[in-house]
């Protein structure tokens, strides 16, 4: 968290950084919009920041704001003055800071055909705080057989990545299983210079690879027993099927909050159809992450019928 606070101070000043340092465990997001008050989300509850650094549950006088020009300059600093280096991820709507903290980027799209090549006139940033809670995966291991494949389900900022990260640590280091971590957005392991920013044990880490590509490479070259990755979509179903057919167990996450939302989610439909996942594990949204429910995928299939 200190690395994030230092980056916030460098880019947005001491008042905002002080608030970040004051609530390291509770902090979920920092939402910054041009010419609007900054919103700090603690345990997913929004607060404004007063001029003296105090938190206000409603809009307060002299709340900390960031002007359009300030936001533009701050974004360049967030990119370490190398926006071009981050162009591919910016086109996908985000950049990742050292430490695995993800910054959602909103502005005006620069298109090339049907592809977003860049974002100009940045108007909003959403800085999501990455966390590490060693041992938080223990309830998961007591509740499901991960060899049968598991999808961790929850809303944004519900702790899916945190739980997956700790599962990678336990499986590879404590249980000495062969684990490949596919870290497409540099959030799970947050590797910088070949060193993981988070503890993923003895996992083999593919950083920045598209998930489908890395799954194929891992199966071919690293002989994993488990593949752990974040935020699967229906487009990844074919790669998941290949891993399953090679005897690899997949543990991943999807944006999904209940059985009802699972039934309406095409990604969940495509992924469960592969047969690679036996359980859907739902998170409550608390910090550290807690399991609120577990559903067998057969229950999902029966409900669909």
C-alpha atoms as a PDB file:
ATOM      1  CA  UNK A   1       0.000   0.000   0.000  1.00  0.00           C
ATOM      2  CA  UNK A   2       2.885   2.376   0.703  1.00  0.00           C
ATOM      3  CA  UNK A   3       3.935   2.174  -2.941  1.00  0.00           C
ATOM      4  CA  UNK A   4       0.445   3.236  -3.998  1.00  0.00           C
ATOM      5  CA  UNK A   5       0.404   6.111  -1.500  1.00  0.00           C
ATOM      6  CA  UNK A   6       3.743   7.333  -2.799  1.00  0.00           C
ATOM      7  CA  UNK A   7       2.468   7.230  -6.377  1.00  0.00           C
ATOM      8  CA  UNK A   8      -0.693   9.091  -5.375  1.00  0.00           C
ATOM      9  CA  UNK A   9       1.381  11.760  -3.640  1.00  0.00           C
ATOM     10  CA  UNK A  10       3.615  12.121  -6.697  1.00  0.00           C
ATOM     11  CA  UNK A  11       0.630  12.467  -9.022  1.00  0.00           C
ATOM     12  CA  UNK A  12      -2.114  14.115  -6.927  1.00  0.00           C
ATOM     13  CA  UNK A  13      -0.519  15.656  -3.866  1.00  0.00           C
ATOM     14  CA  UNK A  14      -0.159  15.101  -0.122  1.00  0.00           C
ATOM     15  CA  UNK A  15      -3.795  15.489   0.970  1.00  0.00           C
ATOM     16  CA  UNK A  16      -5.061  12.583  -1.111  1.00  0.00           C
ATOM     17  CA  UNK A  17      -1.986  10.490  -0.294  1.00  0.00           C
ATOM     18  CA  UNK A  18      -2.543  11.033   3.435  1.00  0.00           C
ATOM     19  CA  UNK A  19      -6.078   9.665   3.131  1.00  0.00           C
ATOM     20  CA  UNK A  20      -4.756   6.614   1.286  1.00  0.00           C
ATOM     21  CA  UNK A  21      -2.168   5.976   4.005  1.00  0.00           C
ATOM     22  CA  UNK A  22      -4.791   6.368   6.735  1.00  0.00           C
ATOM     23  CA  UNK A  23      -6.999   3.534   5.444  1.00  0.00           C
ATOM     24  CA  UNK A  24      -4.708   0.907   3.859  1.00  0.00           C
ATOM     25  CA  UNK A  25      -6.937  -2.124   4.520  1.00  0.00           C
ATOM     26  CA  UNK A  26     -10.312  -0.491   3.887  1.00  0.00           C
ATOM     27  CA  UNK A  27      -9.376   1.283   0.646  1.00  0.00           C
ATOM     28  CA  UNK A  28     -11.005  -0.201  -2.460  1.00  0.00           C
ATOM     29  CA  UNK A  29     -10.961   2.565  -5.074  1.00  0.00           C
ATOM     30  CA  UNK A  30     -10.020   6.169  -5.701  1.00  0.00           C
ATOM     31  CA  UNK A  31     -12.336   7.699  -8.293  1.00  0.00           C
ATOM     32  CA  UNK A  32     -10.984  10.850  -9.915  1.00  0.00           C
ATOM     33  CA  UNK A  33     -13.036  12.846 -12.420  1.00  0.00           C
ATOM     34  CA  UNK A  34     -11.944  16.043 -14.128  1.00  0.00           C
ATOM     35  CA  UNK A  35     -13.176  19.160 -12.289  1.00  0.00           C
ATOM     36  CA  UNK A  36     -15.213  17.028  -9.845  1.00  0.00           C
ATOM     37  CA  UNK A  37     -14.643  16.084  -6.196  1.00  0.00           C
ATOM     38  CA  UNK A  38     -12.444  13.031  -5.661  1.00  0.00           C
ATOM     39  CA  UNK A  39     -14.296  10.031  -4.201  1.00  0.00           C
ATOM     40  CA  UNK A  40     -12.536   7.575  -1.914  1.00  0.00           C
ATOM     41  CA  UNK A  41     -14.251   4.161  -1.651  1.00  0.00           C
ATOM     42  CA  UNK A  42     -13.657   2.453   1.687  1.00  0.00           C
ATOM     43  CA  UNK A  43     -15.161  -1.035   1.977  1.00  0.00           C
ATOM     44  CA  UNK A  44     -17.143  -0.022  -1.144  1.00  0.00           C
ATOM     45  CA  UNK A  45     -18.706   3.007   0.618  1.00  0.00           C
ATOM     46  CA  UNK A  46     -17.987   6.403  -1.034  1.00  0.00           C
ATOM     47  CA  UNK A  47     -16.497   9.380   0.803  1.00  0.00           C
ATOM     48  CA  UNK A  48     -15.431  12.850  -0.267  1.00  0.00           C
ATOM     49  CA  UNK A  49     -12.180  14.331   1.028  1.00  0.00           C
ATOM     50  CA  UNK A  50     -12.172  17.714   2.773  1.00  0.00           C
ATOM     51  CA  UNK A  51      -9.415  20.289   2.419  1.00  0.00           C
ATOM     52  CA  UNK A  52      -7.836  19.089   5.682  1.00  0.00           C
ATOM     53  CA  UNK A  53      -7.973  15.450   4.635  1.00  0.00           C
ATOM     54  CA  UNK A  54     -11.124  14.617   6.599  1.00  0.00           C
ATOM     55  CA  UNK A  55     -13.622  12.174   5.092  1.00  0.00           C
ATOM     56  CA  UNK A  56     -17.176  13.320   4.388  1.00  0.00           C
ATOM     57  CA  UNK A  57     -20.025  10.886   3.554  1.00  0.00           C
ATOM     58  CA  UNK A  58     -21.726  13.625   1.523  1.00  0.00           C
ATOM     59  CA  UNK A  59     -20.364  16.390  -0.691  1.00  0.00           C
ATOM     60  CA  UNK A  60     -18.488  18.857   1.495  1.00  0.00           C
ATOM     61  CA  UNK A  61     -17.330  22.417   1.019  1.00  0.00           C
ATOM     62  CA  UNK A  62     -13.769  22.734  -0.262  1.00  0.00           C
ATOM     63  CA  UNK A  63     -13.644  19.050  -1.199  1.00  0.00           C
ATOM     64  CA  UNK A  64     -10.485  17.915  -2.961  1.00  0.00           C
ATOM     65  CA  UNK A  65     -10.918  18.207  -6.734  1.00  0.00           C
ATOM     66  CA  UNK A  66      -8.650  17.571  -9.707  1.00  0.00           C
ATOM     67  CA  UNK A  67      -8.840  19.904 -12.696  1.00  0.00           C
ATOM     68  CA  UNK A  68      -8.733  18.727 -16.299  1.00  0.00           C
ATOM     69  CA  UNK A  69      -5.148  19.910 -16.858  1.00  0.00           C
ATOM     70  CA  UNK A  70      -4.081  18.438 -13.515  1.00  0.00           C
ATOM     71  CA  UNK A  71      -5.641  15.117 -14.466  1.00  0.00           C
ATOM     72  CA  UNK A  72      -3.829  15.104 -17.793  1.00  0.00           C
ATOM     73  CA  UNK A  73      -0.485  15.779 -16.112  1.00  0.00           C
ATOM     74  CA  UNK A  74      -1.172  13.237 -13.363  1.00  0.00           C
ATOM     75  CA  UNK A  75      -1.993  10.552 -15.927  1.00  0.00           C
ATOM     76  CA  UNK A  76       1.358  11.129 -17.622  1.00  0.00           C
ATOM     77  CA  UNK A  77       3.063  10.682 -14.248  1.00  0.00           C
ATOM     78  CA  UNK A  78       1.055   7.512 -13.569  1.00  0.00           C
ATOM     79  CA  UNK A  79       2.472   6.210 -16.858  1.00  0.00           C
ATOM     80  CA  UNK A  80       5.985   7.265 -15.754  1.00  0.00           C
ATOM     81  CA  UNK A  81       5.932   9.759 -18.659  1.00  0.00           C
ATOM     82  CA  UNK A  82       5.772   6.887 -21.149  1.00  0.00           C
ATOM     83  CA  UNK A  83       2.155   6.831 -22.301  1.00  0.00           C
ATOM     84  CA  UNK A  84       3.184   5.131 -25.542  1.00  0.00           C
ATOM     85  CA  UNK A  85       4.570   2.150 -23.583  1.00  0.00           C
ATOM     86  CA  UNK A  86       1.116   1.630 -22.054  1.00  0.00           C
ATOM     87  CA  UNK A  87      -0.817   2.233 -25.279  1.00  0.00           C
ATOM     88  CA  UNK A  88      -2.027  -1.342 -25.714  1.00  0.00           C
ATOM     89  CA  UNK A  89      -3.502  -1.594 -22.226  1.00  0.00           C
ATOM     90  CA  UNK A  90      -4.881   1.971 -22.418  1.00  0.00           C
ATOM     91  CA  UNK A  91      -6.764   0.892 -25.534  1.00  0.00           C
ATOM     92  CA  UNK A  92      -8.281  -1.858 -23.364  1.00  0.00           C
ATOM     93  CA  UNK A  93      -9.329   0.730 -20.802  1.00  0.00           C
ATOM     94  CA  UNK A  94      -6.698   0.438 -18.081  1.00  0.00           C
ATOM     95  CA  UNK A  95      -3.082   0.676 -16.993  1.00  0.00           C
ATOM     96  CA  UNK A  96      -1.482  -1.355 -14.203  1.00  0.00           C
ATOM     97  CA  UNK A  97       0.778   0.294 -11.628  1.00  0.00           C
ATOM     98  CA  UNK A  98       3.663  -1.447  -9.850  1.00  0.00           C
ATOM     99  CA  UNK A  99       2.111  -3.435  -7.030  1.00  0.00           C
ATOM    100  CA  UNK A 100      -0.781  -4.647  -9.175  1.00  0.00           C
ATOM    101  CA  UNK A 101      -2.984  -1.589  -8.647  1.00  0.00           C
ATOM    102  CA  UNK A 102      -5.182  -1.153 -11.738  1.00  0.00           C
ATOM    103  CA  UNK A 103      -6.196   2.232 -13.090  1.00  0.00           C
ATOM    104  CA  UNK A 104      -9.358   2.327 -15.175  1.00  0.00           C
ATOM    105  CA  UNK A 105      -9.123   4.989 -17.886  1.00  0.00           C
ATOM    106  CA  UNK A 106     -12.098   6.876 -19.334  1.00  0.00           C
ATOM    107  CA  UNK A 107     -12.001   9.487 -22.077  1.00  0.00           C
ATOM    108  CA  UNK A 108     -12.319   9.905 -25.833  1.00  0.00           C
ATOM    109  CA  UNK A 109     -11.491   6.857 -27.956  1.00  0.00           C
ATOM    110  CA  UNK A 110      -8.982   7.051 -30.787  1.00  0.00           C
ATOM    111  CA  UNK A 111     -10.123   4.372 -33.220  1.00  0.00           C
ATOM    112  CA  UNK A 112      -8.353   2.301 -35.862  1.00  0.00           C
ATOM    113  CA  UNK A 113     -11.058   0.430 -37.694  1.00  0.00           C
ATOM    114  CA  UNK A 114     -13.041  -1.383 -35.012  1.00  0.00           C
ATOM    115  CA  UNK A 115     -10.213  -1.273 -32.471  1.00  0.00           C
ATOM    116  CA  UNK A 116      -9.563   1.312 -29.774  1.00  0.00           C
ATOM    117  CA  UNK A 117      -5.933   2.297 -30.326  1.00  0.00           C
ATOM    118  CA  UNK A 118      -5.659   4.958 -27.622  1.00  0.00           C
ATOM    119  CA  UNK A 119      -7.667   7.230 -25.341  1.00  0.00           C
ATOM    120  CA  UNK A 120      -7.358  10.999 -25.552  1.00  0.00           C
ATOM    121  CA  UNK A 121      -8.826  13.752 -23.376  1.00  0.00           C
ATOM    122  CA  UNK A 122      -8.747  11.681 -20.196  1.00  0.00           C
ATOM    123  CA  UNK A 123     -11.782  12.619 -18.084  1.00  0.00           C
ATOM    124  CA  UNK A 124     -11.928   9.916 -15.386  1.00  0.00           C
ATOM    125  CA  UNK A 125      -9.582   7.555 -13.591  1.00  0.00           C
ATOM    126  CA  UNK A 126     -10.522   4.737 -11.227  1.00  0.00           C
ATOM    127  CA  UNK A 127      -7.555   3.566  -9.162  1.00  0.00           C
ATOM    128  CA  UNK A 128      -8.274   0.139  -7.651  1.00  0.00           C
ATOM    129  CA  UNK A 129      -6.168  -0.865  -4.669  1.00  0.00           C
ATOM    130  CA  UNK A 130      -4.628  -4.345  -4.893  1.00  0.00           C
ATOM    131  CA  UNK A 131      -4.241  -6.219  -1.606  1.00  0.00           C
ATOM    132  CA  UNK A 132      -2.611  -9.311  -0.196  1.00  0.00           C
ATOM    133  CA  UNK A 133      -4.127 -11.324   2.672  1.00  0.00           C
ATOM    134  CA  UNK A 134      -2.054 -14.476   3.250  1.00  0.00           C
ATOM    135  CA  UNK A 135      -4.310 -17.295   4.392  1.00  0.00           C
ATOM    136  CA  UNK A 136      -7.549 -15.838   3.021  1.00  0.00           C
ATOM    137  CA  UNK A 137      -7.909 -18.853   0.713  1.00  0.00           C
ATOM    138  CA  UNK A 138      -8.218 -21.350   3.578  1.00  0.00           C
ATOM    139  CA  UNK A 139     -12.066 -21.378   3.585  1.00  0.00           C
ATOM    140  CA  UNK A 140     -11.986 -22.051  -0.158  1.00  0.00           C
ATOM    141  CA  UNK A 141      -9.746 -25.083   0.287  1.00  0.00           C
ATOM    142  CA  UNK A 142     -11.997 -26.432   3.035  1.00  0.00           C
ATOM    143  CA  UNK A 143     -15.151 -25.925   0.944  1.00  0.00           C
ATOM    144  CA  UNK A 144     -14.353 -27.249  -2.538  1.00  0.00           C
ATOM    145  CA  UNK A 145     -12.117 -29.731  -4.344  1.00  0.00           C
ATOM    146  CA  UNK A 146     -10.035 -27.447  -6.523  1.00  0.00           C
ATOM    147  CA  UNK A 147      -8.976 -30.388  -8.679  1.00  0.00           C
ATOM    148  CA  UNK A 148     -12.490 -30.353 -10.104  1.00  0.00           C
ATOM    149  CA  UNK A 149     -12.158 -26.743 -11.324  1.00  0.00           C
ATOM    150  CA  UNK A 150     -13.585 -23.653  -9.682  1.00  0.00           C
ATOM    151  CA  UNK A 151     -14.931 -20.299 -10.822  1.00  0.00           C
ATOM    152  CA  UNK A 152     -14.712 -17.503  -8.245  1.00  0.00           C
ATOM    153  CA  UNK A 153     -17.719 -15.220  -8.750  1.00  0.00           C
ATOM    154  CA  UNK A 154     -18.302 -11.708  -7.479  1.00  0.00           C
ATOM    155  CA  UNK A 155     -18.813  -8.064  -8.267  1.00  0.00           C
ATOM    156  CA  UNK A 156     -15.872  -5.781  -9.108  1.00  0.00           C
ATOM    157  CA  UNK A 157     -13.686  -5.171  -6.020  1.00  0.00           C
ATOM    158  CA  UNK A 158     -15.154  -8.175  -4.179  1.00  0.00           C
ATOM    159  CA  UNK A 159     -11.743  -9.821  -3.698  1.00  0.00           C
ATOM    160  CA  UNK A 160     -11.652 -12.312  -6.573  1.00  0.00           C
ATOM    161  CA  UNK A 161      -8.065 -11.510  -7.544  1.00  0.00           C
ATOM    162  CA  UNK A 162      -6.942 -11.455  -3.904  1.00  0.00           C
ATOM    163  CA  UNK A 163      -8.368 -14.932  -3.347  1.00  0.00           C
ATOM    164  CA  UNK A 164      -6.860 -16.345  -6.538  1.00  0.00           C
ATOM    165  CA  UNK A 165      -3.453 -14.917  -5.627  1.00  0.00           C
ATOM    166  CA  UNK A 166      -3.471 -16.597  -2.226  1.00  0.00           C
ATOM    167  CA  UNK A 167      -4.679 -19.875  -3.745  1.00  0.00           C
ATOM    168  CA  UNK A 168      -1.671 -19.817  -6.090  1.00  0.00           C
ATOM    169  CA  UNK A 169       0.630 -19.286  -3.111  1.00  0.00           C
ATOM    170  CA  UNK A 170      -0.845 -22.150  -1.080  1.00  0.00           C
ATOM    171  CA  UNK A 171      -1.067 -24.661  -3.925  1.00  0.00           C
ATOM    172  CA  UNK A 172       2.458 -24.070  -5.226  1.00  0.00           C
ATOM    173  CA  UNK A 173       4.402 -23.417  -2.019  1.00  0.00           C
ATOM    174  CA  UNK A 174       2.573 -25.160   0.811  1.00  0.00           C
ATOM    175  CA  UNK A 175       1.194 -28.075  -1.183  1.00  0.00           C
ATOM    176  CA  UNK A 176       4.014 -28.260  -3.776  1.00  0.00           C
ATOM    177  CA  UNK A 177       1.662 -28.563  -6.733  1.00  0.00           C
ATOM    178  CA  UNK A 178       2.698 -27.355 -10.187  1.00  0.00           C
ATOM    179  CA  UNK A 179       0.874 -24.070 -10.818  1.00  0.00           C
ATOM    180  CA  UNK A 180       0.947 -21.743 -13.820  1.00  0.00           C
ATOM    181  CA  UNK A 181      -0.364 -18.245 -13.123  1.00  0.00           C
ATOM    182  CA  UNK A 182      -1.567 -16.341 -16.169  1.00  0.00           C
ATOM    183  CA  UNK A 183      -1.346 -12.669 -15.307  1.00  0.00           C
ATOM    184  CA  UNK A 184      -2.626 -10.908 -18.415  1.00  0.00           C
ATOM    185  CA  UNK A 185      -3.234  -7.570 -16.680  1.00  0.00           C
ATOM    186  CA  UNK A 186      -0.265  -7.766 -14.276  1.00  0.00           C
ATOM    187  CA  UNK A 187      -2.528  -7.869 -11.219  1.00  0.00           C
ATOM    188  CA  UNK A 188      -2.177 -11.394  -9.856  1.00  0.00           C
ATOM    189  CA  UNK A 189       1.595 -11.556  -9.430  1.00  0.00           C
ATOM    190  CA  UNK A 190       2.409  -7.992 -10.513  1.00  0.00           C
ATOM    191  CA  UNK A 191       5.828  -8.974 -11.823  1.00  0.00           C
ATOM    192  CA  UNK A 192       8.312  -6.142 -12.347  1.00  0.00           C
ATOM    193  CA  UNK A 193      11.777  -6.890 -13.681  1.00  0.00           C
ATOM    194  CA  UNK A 194      11.103 -10.601 -13.333  1.00  0.00           C
ATOM    195  CA  UNK A 195      10.221 -10.362  -9.630  1.00  0.00           C
ATOM    196  CA  UNK A 196       6.670 -10.872  -8.375  1.00  0.00           C
ATOM    197  CA  UNK A 197       5.236  -7.971  -6.414  1.00  0.00           C
ATOM    198  CA  UNK A 198       2.905 -10.388  -4.614  1.00  0.00           C
ATOM    199  CA  UNK A 199       3.545 -13.789  -3.093  1.00  0.00           C
ATOM    200  CA  UNK A 200       2.327 -16.450  -5.524  1.00  0.00           C
ATOM    201  CA  UNK A 201       4.621 -19.081  -4.050  1.00  0.00           C
ATOM    202  CA  UNK A 202       6.438 -21.306  -6.537  1.00  0.00           C
ATOM    203  CA  UNK A 203       4.064 -20.577  -9.404  1.00  0.00           C
ATOM    204  CA  UNK A 204       5.290 -20.145 -12.960  1.00  0.00           C
ATOM    205  CA  UNK A 205       4.024 -16.727 -14.038  1.00  0.00           C
ATOM    206  CA  UNK A 206       3.046 -15.665 -17.559  1.00  0.00           C
ATOM    207  CA  UNK A 207       2.909 -11.860 -17.415  1.00  0.00           C
ATOM    208  CA  UNK A 208       1.076  -9.841 -20.061  1.00  0.00           C
ATOM    209  CA  UNK A 209       0.175 -12.830 -22.241  1.00  0.00           C
ATOM    210  CA  UNK A 210      -3.386 -13.168 -23.548  1.00  0.00           C
ATOM    211  CA  UNK A 211      -5.008 -15.871 -21.435  1.00  0.00           C
ATOM    212  CA  UNK A 212      -5.795 -18.220 -24.317  1.00  0.00           C
ATOM    213  CA  UNK A 213      -2.210 -18.014 -25.637  1.00  0.00           C
ATOM    214  CA  UNK A 214      -0.631 -18.533 -22.226  1.00  0.00           C
ATOM    215  CA  UNK A 215      -2.873 -21.507 -21.427  1.00  0.00           C
ATOM    216  CA  UNK A 216      -1.674 -23.268 -24.555  1.00  0.00           C
ATOM    217  CA  UNK A 217       1.981 -22.451 -23.829  1.00  0.00           C
ATOM    218  CA  UNK A 218       1.701 -23.569 -20.210  1.00  0.00           C
ATOM    219  CA  UNK A 219       0.167 -26.922 -21.146  1.00  0.00           C
ATOM    220  CA  UNK A 220       2.825 -27.495 -23.802  1.00  0.00           C
ATOM    221  CA  UNK A 221       5.889 -26.471 -21.824  1.00  0.00           C
ATOM    222  CA  UNK A 222       5.325 -26.216 -18.051  1.00  0.00           C
ATOM    223  CA  UNK A 223       3.220 -29.355 -17.341  1.00  0.00           C
ATOM    224  CA  UNK A 224       1.004 -27.592 -14.779  1.00  0.00           C
ATOM    225  CA  UNK A 225      -1.440 -29.382 -12.535  1.00  0.00           C
ATOM    226  CA  UNK A 226      -3.322 -26.116 -12.038  1.00  0.00           C
ATOM    227  CA  UNK A 227      -3.775 -22.987 -14.150  1.00  0.00           C
ATOM    228  CA  UNK A 228      -4.872 -19.890 -12.252  1.00  0.00           C
ATOM    229  CA  UNK A 229      -6.027 -16.784 -14.096  1.00  0.00           C
ATOM    230  CA  UNK A 230      -8.360 -13.844 -13.615  1.00  0.00           C
ATOM    231  CA  UNK A 231     -11.536 -12.698 -15.358  1.00  0.00           C
ATOM    232  CA  UNK A 232     -12.296 -15.368 -17.932  1.00  0.00           C
ATOM    233  CA  UNK A 233     -14.822 -14.665 -20.681  1.00  0.00           C
ATOM    234  CA  UNK A 234     -16.672 -16.876 -23.120  1.00  0.00           C
ATOM    235  CA  UNK A 235     -13.901 -16.234 -25.651  1.00  0.00           C
ATOM    236  CA  UNK A 236     -11.541 -18.216 -23.413  1.00  0.00           C
ATOM    237  CA  UNK A 237     -13.754 -21.322 -23.377  1.00  0.00           C
ATOM    238  CA  UNK A 238     -11.814 -23.120 -26.125  1.00  0.00           C
ATOM    239  CA  UNK A 239      -8.509 -22.659 -24.289  1.00  0.00           C
ATOM    240  CA  UNK A 240     -10.118 -23.856 -21.051  1.00  0.00           C
ATOM    241  CA  UNK A 241     -11.361 -26.977 -22.865  1.00  0.00           C
ATOM    242  CA  UNK A 242      -7.864 -27.703 -24.163  1.00  0.00           C
ATOM    243  CA  UNK A 243      -6.443 -27.419 -20.642  1.00  0.00           C
ATOM    244  CA  UNK A 244      -9.140 -29.742 -19.300  1.00  0.00           C
ATOM    245  CA  UNK A 245      -8.438 -32.306 -22.028  1.00  0.00           C
ATOM    246  CA  UNK A 246      -4.780 -32.272 -20.989  1.00  0.00           C
ATOM    247  CA  UNK A 247      -5.675 -33.039 -17.378  1.00  0.00           C
ATOM    248  CA  UNK A 248      -5.141 -29.522 -16.015  1.00  0.00           C
ATOM    249  CA  UNK A 249      -7.455 -28.038 -13.381  1.00  0.00           C
ATOM    250  CA  UNK A 250      -8.440 -24.414 -13.940  1.00  0.00           C
ATOM    251  CA  UNK A 251      -9.212 -21.938 -11.164  1.00  0.00           C
ATOM    252  CA  UNK A 252     -10.388 -18.550 -12.335  1.00  0.00           C
ATOM    253  CA  UNK A 253     -12.916 -15.763 -11.817  1.00  0.00           C
ATOM    254  CA  UNK A 254     -15.884 -14.183 -13.546  1.00  0.00           C
ATOM    255  CA  UNK A 255     -18.035 -11.132 -12.913  1.00  0.00           C
ATOM    256  CA  UNK A 256     -21.187 -12.728 -11.521  1.00  0.00           C
ATOM    257  CA  UNK A 257     -22.991 -12.181  -8.213  1.00  0.00           C
ATOM    258  CA  UNK A 258     -25.723 -14.845  -7.930  1.00  0.00           C
ATOM    259  CA  UNK A 259     -27.320 -17.868  -9.544  1.00  0.00           C
ATOM    260  CA  UNK A 260     -29.752 -15.530 -11.286  1.00  0.00           C
ATOM    261  CA  UNK A 261     -26.952 -13.454 -12.785  1.00  0.00           C
ATOM    262  CA  UNK A 262     -25.081 -16.640 -13.746  1.00  0.00           C
ATOM    263  CA  UNK A 263     -28.084 -17.792 -15.767  1.00  0.00           C
ATOM    264  CA  UNK A 264     -28.022 -14.525 -17.713  1.00  0.00           C
ATOM    265  CA  UNK A 265     -24.243 -14.373 -18.172  1.00  0.00           C
ATOM    266  CA  UNK A 266     -23.093 -15.728 -21.573  1.00  0.00           C
ATOM    267  CA  UNK A 267     -19.520 -16.098 -20.317  1.00  0.00           C
ATOM    268  CA  UNK A 268     -20.632 -18.311 -17.427  1.00  0.00           C
ATOM    269  CA  UNK A 269     -22.755 -20.313 -19.855  1.00  0.00           C
ATOM    270  CA  UNK A 270     -19.829 -20.890 -22.223  1.00  0.00           C
ATOM    271  CA  UNK A 271     -17.347 -21.688 -19.467  1.00  0.00           C
ATOM    272  CA  UNK A 272     -19.548 -24.116 -17.566  1.00  0.00           C
ATOM    273  CA  UNK A 273     -20.376 -25.885 -20.831  1.00  0.00           C
ATOM    274  CA  UNK A 274     -16.697 -26.897 -21.138  1.00  0.00           C
ATOM    275  CA  UNK A 275     -17.060 -29.195 -18.119  1.00  0.00           C
ATOM    276  CA  UNK A 276     -13.904 -27.674 -16.619  1.00  0.00           C
ATOM    277  CA  UNK A 277     -15.642 -26.223 -13.560  1.00  0.00           C
ATOM    278  CA  UNK A 278     -17.512 -28.134 -10.881  1.00  0.00           C
ATOM    279  CA  UNK A 279     -18.290 -25.242  -8.547  1.00  0.00           C
ATOM    280  CA  UNK A 280     -19.210 -21.565  -8.655  1.00  0.00           C
ATOM    281  CA  UNK A 281     -17.967 -19.868  -5.479  1.00  0.00           C
ATOM    282  CA  UNK A 282     -19.626 -16.531  -4.708  1.00  0.00           C
ATOM    283  CA  UNK A 283     -17.953 -13.801  -2.660  1.00  0.00           C
ATOM    284  CA  UNK A 284     -19.729 -11.437  -0.284  1.00  0.00           C
ATOM    285  CA  UNK A 285     -17.667  -8.348  -1.169  1.00  0.00           C
ATOM    286  CA  UNK A 286     -16.059  -8.006   2.261  1.00  0.00           C
ATOM    287  CA  UNK A 287     -12.365  -7.374   2.935  1.00  0.00           C
ATOM    288  CA  UNK A 288     -10.597  -9.823   3.297  1.00  0.00           C
ATOM    289  CA  UNK A 289     -12.708 -11.800   0.799  1.00  0.00           C
ATOM    290  CA  UNK A 290     -15.320 -14.140   2.269  1.00  0.00           C
ATOM    291  CA  UNK A 291     -17.403 -16.865   0.649  1.00  0.00           C
ATOM    292  CA  UNK A 292     -21.141 -16.163   0.659  1.00  0.00           C
ATOM    293  CA  UNK A 293     -22.308 -19.235  -1.255  1.00  0.00           C
ATOM    294  CA  UNK A 294     -21.298 -22.213  -3.397  1.00  0.00           C
ATOM    295  CA  UNK A 295     -23.283 -23.635  -6.322  1.00  0.00           C
ATOM    296  CA  UNK A 296     -22.616 -26.831  -8.232  1.00  0.00           C
ATOM    297  CA  UNK A 297     -22.491 -26.200 -11.975  1.00  0.00           C
ATOM    298  CA  UNK A 298     -24.990 -29.030 -12.437  1.00  0.00           C
ATOM    299  CA  UNK A 299     -27.449 -26.871 -10.520  1.00  0.00           C
ATOM    300  CA  UNK A 300     -26.803 -24.092 -13.017  1.00  0.00           C
ATOM    301  CA  UNK A 301     -27.376 -26.453 -15.958  1.00  0.00           C
ATOM    302  CA  UNK A 302     -30.593 -27.763 -14.454  1.00  0.00           C
ATOM    303  CA  UNK A 303     -31.829 -24.242 -13.800  1.00  0.00           C
ATOM    304  CA  UNK A 304     -31.101 -23.316 -17.398  1.00  0.00           C
ATOM    305  CA  UNK A 305     -33.122 -26.251 -18.619  1.00  0.00           C
END
